[in-house]
Structures are given as structure tokens and as C-alpha cells.
Amino acid sequence: MSALEEHEDVYAPDQLKPTNRRRAQRGAIISAAILLLYFWGNQQGNTEKVWLVVLAVLLVGAVIGDIVLRKAGLRPND
């Protein structure tokens, strides 16, 4: 085998540490709530409101998707 065919995966030390899944889910929900608090800010048009709602829905959707995939066994439990 040549040097081009052999390679090892390189990981940073923080990539191997397990993350706290519950803390990440809470952070996403809190971030979505904070985004929705800016809904009543001083925007002139509705474009900002649409972006705020879309981002909040995406955050909540990611959390719900993660929960559903873990219950279905398609993602490993940490």
C-alpha cells in the first residue's frame, strides 16, 4: 500500500468528549424563546418577523427531530 491509500482519521480532543444532550436541547428552546421575544421589537416591516419565526421553528424542529430519531433508535443515546 502506498502512503496515499493509508490514512487515519484525525480528531481534536474536544470531538471525543460526550456532549450534554439535555443542555443542548434546553439551550435551543431558550434561544427560540428569546428570538420570539424580539417579535415585538421595533421592526418597520414584516421581513424581520418572518425570519424570527422561521429561525425559532427550525430550532424547535431540530430538538423535536432529535427526540424522534433517538426514540426510533436511529441516533445513539449519549
C-alpha atoms as a PDB file:
ATOM      1  CA  MET A   1       0.000   0.000   0.000  1.00  0.00           C
ATOM      2  CA  SER A   2       1.199   3.443  -0.771  1.00  0.00           C
ATOM      3  CA  ALA A   3       1.140   6.415   1.537  1.00  0.00           C
ATOM      4  CA  LEU A   4      -1.873   7.811  -0.303  1.00  0.00           C
ATOM      5  CA  GLU A   5      -4.024   4.769   0.438  1.00  0.00           C
ATOM      6  CA  GLU A   6      -3.302   4.627   4.151  1.00  0.00           C
ATOM      7  CA  HIS A   7      -4.735   7.292   6.409  1.00  0.00           C
ATOM      8  CA  GLU A   8      -6.035   7.575   9.917  1.00  0.00           C
ATOM      9  CA  ASP A   9      -8.919   9.739  10.989  1.00  0.00           C
ATOM     10  CA  VAL A  10      -7.752  12.774  12.904  1.00  0.00           C
ATOM     11  CA  TYR A  11      -9.872  14.033  15.772  1.00  0.00           C
ATOM     12  CA  ALA A  12      -9.481  17.023  18.016  1.00  0.00           C
ATOM     13  CA  PRO A  13      -9.608  16.119  21.719  1.00  0.00           C
ATOM     14  CA  ASP A  14     -12.878  18.006  22.232  1.00  0.00           C
ATOM     15  CA  GLN A  15     -14.571  15.984  19.454  1.00  0.00           C
ATOM     16  CA  LEU A  16     -14.239  12.817  21.507  1.00  0.00           C
ATOM     17  CA  LYS A  17     -15.851  14.265  24.635  1.00  0.00           C
ATOM     18  CA  PRO A  18     -19.547  13.465  25.007  1.00  0.00           C
ATOM     19  CA  THR A  19     -21.879  16.436  24.952  1.00  0.00           C
ATOM     20  CA  ASN A  20     -24.720  17.056  27.326  1.00  0.00           C
ATOM     21  CA  ARG A  21     -27.756  16.455  25.109  1.00  0.00           C
ATOM     22  CA  ARG A  22     -30.301  17.835  27.581  1.00  0.00           C
ATOM     23  CA  ARG A  23     -28.332  21.054  27.977  1.00  0.00           C
ATOM     24  CA  ALA A  24     -28.161  21.487  24.202  1.00  0.00           C
ATOM     25  CA  GLN A  25     -31.914  20.912  23.872  1.00  0.00           C
ATOM     26  CA  ARG A  26     -32.682  23.413  26.614  1.00  0.00           C
ATOM     27  CA  GLY A  27     -30.345  25.923  25.002  1.00  0.00           C
ATOM     28  CA  ALA A  28     -32.140  25.579  21.666  1.00  0.00           C
ATOM     29  CA  ILE A  29     -35.567  26.042  23.272  1.00  0.00           C
ATOM     30  CA  ILE A  30     -34.391  29.065  25.271  1.00  0.00           C
ATOM     31  CA  SER A  31     -32.817  30.567  22.137  1.00  0.00           C
ATOM     32  CA  ALA A  32     -36.075  30.086  20.243  1.00  0.00           C
ATOM     33  CA  ALA A  33     -37.979  31.802  23.056  1.00  0.00           C
ATOM     34  CA  ILE A  34     -35.551  34.726  23.044  1.00  0.00           C
ATOM     35  CA  LEU A  35     -35.936  35.052  19.260  1.00  0.00           C
ATOM     36  CA  LEU A  36     -39.701  35.213  19.667  1.00  0.00           C
ATOM     37  CA  LEU A  37     -39.355  37.928  22.326  1.00  0.00           C
ATOM     38  CA  TYR A  38     -37.825  40.145  19.627  1.00  0.00           C
ATOM     39  CA  PHE A  39     -41.006  39.636  17.599  1.00  0.00           C
ATOM     40  CA  TRP A  40     -42.464  42.670  19.363  1.00  0.00           C
ATOM     41  CA  GLY A  41     -39.414  44.846  18.699  1.00  0.00           C
ATOM     42  CA  ASN A  42     -39.302  47.982  16.595  1.00  0.00           C
ATOM     43  CA  GLN A  43     -39.275  46.430  13.127  1.00  0.00           C
ATOM     44  CA  GLN A  44     -40.628  48.501  10.265  1.00  0.00           C
ATOM     45  CA  GLY A  45     -41.715  45.642   8.016  1.00  0.00           C
ATOM     46  CA  ASN A  46     -42.675  42.024   8.396  1.00  0.00           C
ATOM     47  CA  THR A  47     -39.477  40.563   6.934  1.00  0.00           C
ATOM     48  CA  GLU A  48     -37.732  40.554  10.305  1.00  0.00           C
ATOM     49  CA  LYS A  49     -40.723  38.904  11.948  1.00  0.00           C
ATOM     50  CA  VAL A  50     -40.771  36.159   9.319  1.00  0.00           C
ATOM     51  CA  TRP A  51     -37.068  35.422   9.890  1.00  0.00           C
ATOM     52  CA  LEU A  52     -37.506  35.362  13.665  1.00  0.00           C
ATOM     53  CA  VAL A  53     -40.378  32.892  13.453  1.00  0.00           C
ATOM     54  CA  VAL A  54     -38.613  30.703  10.867  1.00  0.00           C
ATOM     55  CA  LEU A  55     -35.430  30.507  12.960  1.00  0.00           C
ATOM     56  CA  ALA A  56     -37.391  29.716  16.122  1.00  0.00           C
ATOM     57  CA  VAL A  57     -39.353  26.986  14.321  1.00  0.00           C
ATOM     58  CA  LEU A  58     -36.131  25.497  12.935  1.00  0.00           C
ATOM     59  CA  LEU A  59     -34.591  25.350  16.413  1.00  0.00           C
ATOM     60  CA  VAL A  60     -37.641  23.686  17.919  1.00  0.00           C
ATOM     61  CA  GLY A  61     -37.893  21.362  14.904  1.00  0.00           C
ATOM     62  CA  ALA A  62     -34.288  20.270  15.377  1.00  0.00           C
ATOM     63  CA  VAL A  63     -34.975  19.394  19.015  1.00  0.00           C
ATOM     64  CA  ILE A  64     -38.150  17.501  18.141  1.00  0.00           C
ATOM     65  CA  GLY A  65     -36.393  15.708  15.283  1.00  0.00           C
ATOM     66  CA  ASP A  66     -33.572  14.670  17.592  1.00  0.00           C
ATOM     67  CA  ILE A  67     -36.029  13.285  20.149  1.00  0.00           C
ATOM     68  CA  VAL A  68     -37.976  11.362  17.499  1.00  0.00           C
ATOM     69  CA  LEU A  69     -34.829   9.881  15.948  1.00  0.00           C
ATOM     70  CA  ARG A  70     -33.495   8.797  19.336  1.00  0.00           C
ATOM     71  CA  LYS A  71     -36.791   7.122  20.269  1.00  0.00           C
ATOM     72  CA  ALA A  72     -36.800   5.316  16.907  1.00  0.00           C
ATOM     73  CA  GLY A  73     -33.259   4.115  17.574  1.00  0.00           C
ATOM     74  CA  LEU A  74     -31.785   5.909  14.578  1.00  0.00           C
ATOM     75  CA  ARG A  75     -29.417   8.028  16.689  1.00  0.00           C
ATOM     76  CA  PRO A  76     -27.280   6.711  19.536  1.00  0.00           C
ATOM     77  CA  ASN A  77     -28.104   7.764  23.070  1.00  0.00           C
ATOM     78  CA  ASP A  78     -25.172   9.577  24.666  1.00  0.00           C
END
